[in-house]
C-alpha atoms as a PDB file:
ATOM      1  CA  MET A   1      15.547  -1.214 -22.591  1.00  0.00           C
ATOM      2  CA  GLN A   2      18.663  -0.332 -21.158  1.00  0.00           C
ATOM      3  CA  ASP A   3      21.539  -2.000 -22.351  1.00  0.00           C
ATOM      4  CA  ALA A   4      22.475  -4.628 -20.051  1.00  0.00           C
ATOM      5  CA  SER A   5      26.182  -4.048 -20.618  1.00  0.00           C
ATOM      6  CA  ALA A   6      25.765  -0.039 -19.652  1.00  0.00           C
ATOM      7  CA  PRO A   7      26.758   0.851 -16.089  1.00  0.00           C
ATOM      8  CA  LEU A   8      23.766   2.028 -13.768  1.00  0.00           C
ATOM      9  CA  ALA A   9      23.310   5.793 -13.883  1.00  0.00           C
ATOM     10  CA  MET A  10      22.477   6.453 -10.218  1.00  0.00           C
ATOM     11  CA  ILE A  11      23.204   3.548  -8.082  1.00  0.00           C
ATOM     12  CA  ASP A  12      26.841   2.746  -7.110  1.00  0.00           C
ATOM     13  CA  GLU A  13      27.629  -0.839  -8.544  1.00  0.00           C
ATOM     14  CA  VAL A  14      31.179  -1.024  -6.685  1.00  0.00           C
ATOM     15  CA  ALA A  15      29.557  -0.094  -3.198  1.00  0.00           C
ATOM     16  CA  ILE A  16      27.000  -2.799  -3.549  1.00  0.00           C
ATOM     17  CA  ALA A  17      29.405  -5.480  -4.831  1.00  0.00           C
ATOM     18  CA  ALA A  18      31.901  -4.736  -1.904  1.00  0.00           C
ATOM     19  CA  ALA A  19      28.940  -4.731   0.833  1.00  0.00           C
ATOM     20  CA  GLU A  20      29.500  -7.562   3.287  1.00  0.00           C
ATOM     21  CA  LEU A  21      26.993 -10.376   3.351  1.00  0.00           C
ATOM     22  CA  ARG A  22      26.407 -11.158   6.799  1.00  0.00           C
ATOM     23  CA  HIS A  23      24.628 -14.362   7.988  1.00  0.00           C
ATOM     24  CA  ASP A  24      23.369 -13.411  11.461  1.00  0.00           C
ATOM     25  CA  PRO A  25      20.474 -13.909  12.038  1.00  0.00           C
ATOM     26  CA  TYR A  26      19.892 -14.747   8.325  1.00  0.00           C
ATOM     27  CA  ASP A  27      21.464 -13.545   5.177  1.00  0.00           C
ATOM     28  CA  PHE A  28      21.371  -9.516   4.832  1.00  0.00           C
ATOM     29  CA  ALA A  29      23.837  -7.057   3.429  1.00  0.00           C
ATOM     30  CA  PHE A  30      23.766  -3.343   4.239  1.00  0.00           C
ATOM     31  CA  VAL A  31      25.128  -0.394   1.878  1.00  0.00           C
ATOM     32  CA  GLU A  32      26.130   2.942   3.293  1.00  0.00           C
ATOM     33  CA  HIS A  33      25.925   4.912   0.036  1.00  0.00           C
ATOM     34  CA  ALA A  34      24.129   2.981  -2.711  1.00  0.00           C
ATOM     35  CA  ILE A  35      23.195   6.295  -4.071  1.00  0.00           C
ATOM     36  CA  ASP A  36      26.057   8.738  -4.526  1.00  0.00           C
ATOM     37  CA  SER A  37      25.145  11.675  -2.471  1.00  0.00           C
ATOM     38  CA  ARG A  38      25.849  14.346  -4.932  1.00  0.00           C
ATOM     39  CA  TRP A  39      22.530  13.134  -6.423  1.00  0.00           C
ATOM     40  CA  LYS A  40      20.602  13.866  -3.046  1.00  0.00           C
ATOM     41  CA  GLU A  41      18.946  17.210  -3.792  1.00  0.00           C
ATOM     42  CA  GLU A  42      18.047  16.519  -7.344  1.00  0.00           C
ATOM     43  CA  VAL A  43      16.707  12.893  -6.315  1.00  0.00           C
ATOM     44  CA  LEU A  44      14.641  13.985  -3.402  1.00  0.00           C
ATOM     45  CA  ALA A  45      13.314  17.078  -5.337  1.00  0.00           C
ATOM     46  CA  ASP A  46      11.860  14.508  -7.878  1.00  0.00           C
ATOM     47  CA  ALA A  47      10.787  11.951  -5.375  1.00  0.00           C
ATOM     48  CA  PRO A  48       6.880  11.100  -5.055  1.00  0.00           C
ATOM     49  CA  ARG A  49       4.821  13.193  -2.701  1.00  0.00           C
ATOM     50  CA  ILE A  50       2.904  10.602  -0.560  1.00  0.00           C
ATOM     51  CA  PRO A  51       0.587  12.386   1.886  1.00  0.00           C
ATOM     52  CA  ASP A  52      -0.743   9.329   4.206  1.00  0.00           C
ATOM     53  CA  ARG A  53       0.927   6.493   6.005  1.00  0.00           C
ATOM     54  CA  GLY A  54       1.473   3.358   4.483  1.00  0.00           C
ATOM     55  CA  SER A  55       2.961   1.983   1.249  1.00  0.00           C
ATOM     56  CA  TYR A  56       1.954   2.764  -2.394  1.00  0.00           C
ATOM     57  CA  GLY A  57       2.750   0.662  -5.289  1.00  0.00           C
ATOM     58  CA  LEU A  58       4.929   1.958  -8.351  1.00  0.00           C
ATOM     59  CA  PRO A  59       1.982   2.278 -10.633  1.00  0.00           C
ATOM     60  CA  ASP A  60       0.328   4.789  -8.007  1.00  0.00           C
ATOM     61  CA  LEU A  61       3.410   6.928  -7.905  1.00  0.00           C
ATOM     62  CA  ARG A  62       4.253  10.093  -9.923  1.00  0.00           C
ATOM     63  CA  TYR A  63       7.656  11.641  -9.420  1.00  0.00           C
ATOM     64  CA  GLY A  64      10.229  13.409 -11.864  1.00  0.00           C
ATOM     65  CA  PRO A  65      13.213  11.965 -13.799  1.00  0.00           C
ATOM     66  CA  LYS A  66      16.134  12.002 -11.415  1.00  0.00           C
ATOM     67  CA  PHE A  67      14.044   9.679  -9.176  1.00  0.00           C
ATOM     68  CA  GLY A  68      12.858   8.000 -12.073  1.00  0.00           C
ATOM     69  CA  ALA A  69      16.475   7.137 -13.002  1.00  0.00           C
ATOM     70  CA  VAL A  70      17.195   5.574  -9.756  1.00  0.00           C
ATOM     71  CA  VAL A  71      13.959   3.290 -10.213  1.00  0.00           C
ATOM     72  CA  GLN A  72      14.670   2.440 -13.903  1.00  0.00           C
ATOM     73  CA  ASP A  73      18.283   1.422 -12.419  1.00  0.00           C
ATOM     74  CA  LEU A  74      16.686  -0.613  -9.829  1.00  0.00           C
ATOM     75  CA  LEU A  75      14.506  -2.765 -12.646  1.00  0.00           C
ATOM     76  CA  THR A  76      17.590  -3.630 -14.681  1.00  0.00           C
ATOM     77  CA  PRO A  77      18.822  -6.992 -15.194  1.00  0.00           C
ATOM     78  CA  ARG A  78      22.158  -5.496 -14.311  1.00  0.00           C
ATOM     79  CA  PHE A  79      20.776  -4.576 -10.870  1.00  0.00           C
ATOM     80  CA  ARG A  80      19.317  -7.982 -10.487  1.00  0.00           C
ATOM     81  CA  GLY A  81      22.711  -9.491 -11.455  1.00  0.00           C
ATOM     82  CA  LEU A  82      24.447  -7.537  -8.266  1.00  0.00           C
ATOM     83  CA  VAL A  83      21.773  -9.326  -6.076  1.00  0.00           C
ATOM     84  CA  GLU A  84      22.261 -12.674  -7.713  1.00  0.00           C
ATOM     85  CA  ARG A  85      26.082 -12.692  -6.886  1.00  0.00           C
ATOM     86  CA  LYS A  86      25.657 -11.032  -3.398  1.00  0.00           C
ATOM     87  CA  PHE A  87      23.221 -14.161  -2.563  1.00  0.00           C
ATOM     88  CA  ASP A  88      24.538 -16.474  -4.920  1.00  0.00           C
ATOM     89  CA  MET A  89      21.127 -17.143  -6.490  1.00  0.00           C
ATOM     90  CA  ASP A  90      19.150 -16.909  -9.681  1.00  0.00           C
ATOM     91  CA  LEU A  91      16.551 -14.453  -9.786  1.00  0.00           C
ATOM     92  CA  SER A  92      15.974 -14.428 -13.641  1.00  0.00           C
ATOM     93  CA  ALA A  93      12.402 -16.087 -13.087  1.00  0.00           C
ATOM     94  CA  CYS A  94      11.590 -13.802 -10.283  1.00  0.00           C
ATOM     95  CA  PRO A  95       9.857 -10.356 -11.345  1.00  0.00           C
ATOM     96  CA  PRO A  96      10.399  -7.072  -9.235  1.00  0.00           C
ATOM     97  CA  CYS A  97       7.515  -5.399  -7.356  1.00  0.00           C
ATOM     98  CA  ILE A  98       8.186  -1.883  -5.995  1.00  0.00           C
ATOM     99  CA  VAL A  99       6.159  -0.155  -3.043  1.00  0.00           C
ATOM    100  CA  MET A 100       7.162   2.950  -1.523  1.00  0.00           C
ATOM    101  CA  MET A 101       6.397   4.158   2.248  1.00  0.00           C
ATOM    102  CA  GLY A 102       6.177   7.953   2.804  1.00  0.00           C
ATOM    103  CA  ASN A 103       5.108   8.662   6.324  1.00  0.00           C
ATOM    104  CA  THR A 104       4.418   6.801   9.730  1.00  0.00           C
ATOM    105  CA  THR A 105       2.059   7.943  12.300  1.00  0.00           C
ATOM    106  CA  GLY A 106       3.732   6.612  15.627  1.00  0.00           C
ATOM    107  CA  HIS A 107       0.710   4.237  16.009  1.00  0.00           C
ATOM    108  CA  TYR A 108       1.224   1.196  18.096  1.00  0.00           C
ATOM    109  CA  ASN A 109       0.553  -1.153  15.193  1.00  0.00           C
ATOM    110  CA  GLU A 110       2.767   0.286  13.093  1.00  0.00           C
ATOM    111  CA  GLY A 111       6.389  -1.749  12.206  1.00  0.00           C
ATOM    112  CA  TYR A 112       5.264  -5.124  13.552  1.00  0.00           C
ATOM    113  CA  ALA A 113       7.800  -7.969  13.291  1.00  0.00           C
ATOM    114  CA  HIS A 114       7.341 -10.187  10.483  1.00  0.00           C
ATOM    115  CA  PRO A 115       9.723 -12.390   7.963  1.00  0.00           C
ATOM    116  CA  ASP A 116       7.730 -11.274   4.684  1.00  0.00           C
ATOM    117  CA  SER A 117       5.585 -13.039   2.577  1.00  0.00           C
ATOM    118  CA  LYS A 118       6.477 -16.789   1.354  1.00  0.00           C
ATOM    119  CA  HIS A 119       6.111 -15.285  -2.160  1.00  0.00           C
ATOM    120  CA  LYS A 120       9.103 -12.814  -1.672  1.00  0.00           C
ATOM    121  CA  ILE A 121      12.566 -14.219  -2.362  1.00  0.00           C
ATOM    122  CA  VAL A 122      14.838 -11.201  -1.855  1.00  0.00           C
ATOM    123  CA  THR A 123      13.777  -7.936  -0.468  1.00  0.00           C
ATOM    124  CA  VAL A 124      15.646  -4.865  -0.987  1.00  0.00           C
ATOM    125  CA  LEU A 125      15.124  -1.505   0.763  1.00  0.00           C
ATOM    126  CA  VAL A 126      16.309   1.984  -0.081  1.00  0.00           C
ATOM    127  CA  GLY A 127      16.047   5.033   2.191  1.00  0.00           C
ATOM    128  CA  PHE A 128      14.724   8.472   0.792  1.00  0.00           C
ATOM    129  CA  SER A 129      14.340  10.349   4.026  1.00  0.00           C
ATOM    130  CA  ARG A 130      16.341  13.592   3.650  1.00  0.00           C
ATOM    131  CA  GLU A 131      17.593  12.390   7.406  1.00  0.00           C
ATOM    132  CA  TRP A 132      16.335  10.290  10.244  1.00  0.00           C
ATOM    133  CA  PRO A 133      17.568  11.631  13.626  1.00  0.00           C
ATOM    134  CA  TYR A 134      14.932   9.404  15.517  1.00  0.00           C
ATOM    135  CA  GLU A 135      16.315   6.539  17.850  1.00  0.00           C
ATOM    136  CA  ARG A 136      13.008   4.953  16.726  1.00  0.00           C
ATOM    137  CA  GLY A 137      11.437   4.109  13.237  1.00  0.00           C
ATOM    138  CA  ARG A 138      14.937   2.484  12.127  1.00  0.00           C
ATOM    139  CA  LEU A 139      14.173  -0.853  10.236  1.00  0.00           C
ATOM    140  CA  ARG A 140      15.436  -3.709  12.849  1.00  0.00           C
ATOM    141  CA  VAL A 141      16.835  -7.002  11.554  1.00  0.00           C
ATOM    142  CA  LEU A 142      15.464  -9.149  14.096  1.00  0.00           C
ATOM    143  CA  ARG A 143      16.647 -12.614  15.757  1.00  0.00           C
ATOM    144  CA  SER A 144      12.880 -13.385  16.757  1.00  0.00           C
ATOM    145  CA  ALA A 145       9.247 -11.697  16.353  1.00  0.00           C
ATOM    146  CA  ASP A 146      10.299  -9.512  19.413  1.00  0.00           C
ATOM    147  CA  ARG A 147      10.941  -6.075  17.960  1.00  0.00           C
ATOM    148  CA  ASN A 148      13.447  -5.671  20.990  1.00  0.00           C
ATOM    149  CA  ASP A 149      15.433  -8.710  19.643  1.00  0.00           C
ATOM    150  CA  CYS A 150      17.661  -6.662  17.445  1.00  0.00           C
ATOM    151  CA  ALA A 151      20.643  -7.709  15.457  1.00  0.00           C
ATOM    152  CA  PHE A 152      21.036  -4.702  12.948  1.00  0.00           C
ATOM    153  CA  GLU A 153      19.374  -1.122  12.492  1.00  0.00           C
ATOM    154  CA  PHE A 154      18.630   0.448   9.217  1.00  0.00           C
ATOM    155  CA  PRO A 155      17.958   4.361   9.188  1.00  0.00           C
ATOM    156  CA  PRO A 156      16.023   4.926   6.045  1.00  0.00           C
ATOM    157  CA  GLU A 157      18.161   7.951   5.049  1.00  0.00           C
ATOM    158  CA  PHE A 158      18.830   8.853   1.537  1.00  0.00           C
ATOM    159  CA  GLY A 159      21.092   6.329  -0.612  1.00  0.00           C
ATOM    160  CA  ARG A 160      21.423   3.689   2.264  1.00  0.00           C
ATOM    161  CA  MET A 161      20.298   0.106   1.259  1.00  0.00           C
ATOM    162  CA  LEU A 162      19.453  -2.966   2.978  1.00  0.00           C
ATOM    163  CA  MET A 163      18.893  -6.210   1.265  1.00  0.00           C
ATOM    164  CA  PHE A 164      18.079  -9.674   2.703  1.00  0.00           C
ATOM    165  CA  ARG A 165      17.217 -13.164   1.834  1.00  0.00           C
ATOM    166  CA  VAL A 166      13.639 -14.012   2.824  1.00  0.00           C
ATOM    167  CA  CYS A 167      13.249 -16.957   5.027  1.00  0.00           C
ATOM    168  CA  ASP A 168      10.875 -18.390   7.578  1.00  0.00           C
ATOM    169  CA  HIS A 169      12.980 -16.384  10.139  1.00  0.00           C
ATOM    170  CA  SER A 170      13.911 -13.342   8.226  1.00  0.00           C
ATOM    171  CA  TRP A 171      12.117 -11.238  10.979  1.00  0.00           C
ATOM    172  CA  HIS A 172      12.258  -7.616  10.568  1.00  0.00           C
ATOM    173  CA  GLY A 173      10.415  -4.414  11.832  1.00  0.00           C
ATOM    174  CA  PHE A 174      10.719  -0.844  13.727  1.00  0.00           C
ATOM    175  CA  LEU A 175       9.573   0.604  16.582  1.00  0.00           C
ATOM    176  CA  PRO A 176       6.617   3.298  15.827  1.00  0.00           C
ATOM    177  CA  GLN A 177       7.877   6.737  15.477  1.00  0.00           C
ATOM    178  CA  LYS A 178       5.923   9.544  13.864  1.00  0.00           C
ATOM    179  CA  GLY A 179       7.216  11.371  10.813  1.00  0.00           C
ATOM    180  CA  GLN A 180       8.089  11.420   7.428  1.00  0.00           C
ATOM    181  CA  ARG A 181       9.881   7.916   6.430  1.00  0.00           C
ATOM    182  CA  MET A 182      10.394   7.864   2.959  1.00  0.00           C
ATOM    183  CA  SER A 183      11.758   4.259   2.091  1.00  0.00           C
ATOM    184  CA  LEU A 184      11.374   2.232  -1.129  1.00  0.00           C
ATOM    185  CA  GLN A 185      11.125  -1.467  -0.825  1.00  0.00           C
ATOM    186  CA  LEU A 186      12.087  -3.673  -4.041  1.00  0.00           C
ATOM    187  CA  CYS A 187      11.052  -7.434  -3.798  1.00  0.00           C
ATOM    188  CA  TYR A 188      12.046 -10.165  -6.187  1.00  0.00           C
ATOM    189  CA  VAL A 189       8.866 -12.346  -6.064  1.00  0.00           C
ATOM    190  CA  ASP A 190       8.006 -15.909  -7.379  1.00  0.00           C
ATOM    191  CA  SER A 191       5.171 -14.978  -9.989  1.00  0.00           C
ATOM    192  CA  ASP A 192       3.862 -12.211 -12.142  1.00  0.00           C
ATOM    193  CA  TRP A 193       0.430 -12.860 -10.261  1.00  0.00           C
ATOM    194  CA  TYR A 194       1.849 -11.884  -7.214  1.00  0.00           C
ATOM    195  CA  VAL A 195       3.095  -8.672  -8.421  1.00  0.00           C
ATOM    196  CA  GLN A 196      -0.409  -7.853  -9.895  1.00  0.00           C
ATOM    197  CA  ARG A 197      -1.996  -8.534  -6.738  1.00  0.00           C
ATOM    198  CA  GLU A 198       0.167  -6.261  -4.641  1.00  0.00           C
ATOM    199  CA  TYR A 199      -0.417  -3.461  -7.089  1.00  0.00           C
ATOM    200  CA  TRP A 200      -3.935  -3.948  -7.018  1.00  0.00           C
ATOM    201  CA  ARG A 201      -3.902  -4.305  -3.333  1.00  0.00           C
ATOM    202  CA  HIS A 202      -1.788  -0.869  -2.711  1.00  0.00           C
ATOM    203  CA  SER A 203      -4.240   0.967  -5.452  1.00  0.00           C
ATOM    204  CA  VAL A 204      -7.445  -0.181  -3.319  1.00  0.00           C
ATOM    205  CA  SER A 205      -5.674   1.025  -0.346  1.00  0.00           C
ATOM    206  CA  ALA A 206      -4.476   4.074  -1.739  1.00  0.00           C
ATOM    207  CA  PHE A 207      -8.000   5.086  -2.726  1.00  0.00           C
ATOM    208  CA  ALA A 208      -9.277   4.246   0.720  1.00  0.00           C
ATOM    209  CA  LYS A 209      -7.159   6.697   1.979  1.00  0.00           C
ATOM    210  CA  SER A 210      -8.041   9.234  -0.103  1.00  0.00           C
ATOM    211  CA  VAL A 211     -11.584   9.409   1.490  1.00  0.00           C
ATOM    212  CA  PRO A 212     -11.283  10.885   5.077  1.00  0.00           C
ATOM    213  CA  LEU A 213     -13.500   8.462   7.059  1.00  0.00           C
ATOM    214  CA  LEU A 214     -11.801   5.256   5.381  1.00  0.00           C
ATOM    215  CA  ARG A 215      -8.429   6.826   6.237  1.00  0.00           C
ATOM    216  CA  LYS A 216      -9.313   7.564   9.773  1.00  0.00           C
ATOM    217  CA  ALA A 217     -10.335   3.399  10.140  1.00  0.00           C
ATOM    218  CA  ILE A 218      -7.302   2.493   8.046  1.00  0.00           C
ATOM    219  CA  ASP A 219      -4.987   4.458  10.508  1.00  0.00           C
ATOM    220  CA  TRP A 220      -6.158   2.288  13.295  1.00  0.00           C
ATOM    221  CA  ALA A 221      -6.292  -0.727  11.702  1.00  0.00           C
ATOM    222  CA  PRO A 222      -4.113  -3.569  12.390  1.00  0.00           C
ATOM    223  CA  ARG A 223      -1.140  -3.535  10.147  1.00  0.00           C
ATOM    224  CA  ARG A 224      -0.749  -7.522  10.065  1.00  0.00           C
ATOM    225  CA  LEU A 225      -3.189  -9.288   8.054  1.00  0.00           C
ATOM    226  CA  PRO A 226      -3.362 -13.279   7.810  1.00  0.00           C
ATOM    227  CA  GLY A 227      -2.050 -14.263   4.480  1.00  0.00           C
ATOM    228  CA  TRP A 228      -0.336 -11.038   3.462  1.00  0.00           C
END
């Protein structure tokens, strides 16, 4: 276990601490350079290779040491403390759950607006795309369930970070855009049970996407399922 007094190896604590906490339309903070750009090539070289669209749970990802060092930082109590101070809340009883997106297909039903599961307490997003030149496909902080009712846009580019407090109106989503869209999602959730359920669900999905006929059906299925 990493020494809680030791500084984070890859993540810029000063940049995160300095990021403004915004309250419109809900509590969120954006960090332009949460990971120093000098690590970009090494981290991206070690990032997971995700062949299909959708999200994959951390246990199903294979990656090299530099990307692993970023993940290790994100899972430390020290990073959790940065998030706690940002939102003035105690997350010590909230286990972390990490999933990662690699690609989007551009289908109409991707990026639907949603406020996040009631089991999630805080969501942290980190971009790992080499670049994102598109106008569409940027994660939008929304004022409503309308994806055009946008208060802020987050391009999923390397080192950028968006974190927000989950509530009944923490709407977010993106307009469909085909492309490699590397983005990691860390959520502090209300129970270990929910973490295990999420990893199991994503494992089943990963297996299904490895079967061509099932992958085709999944690509066209609605993204939003009741209760998830």
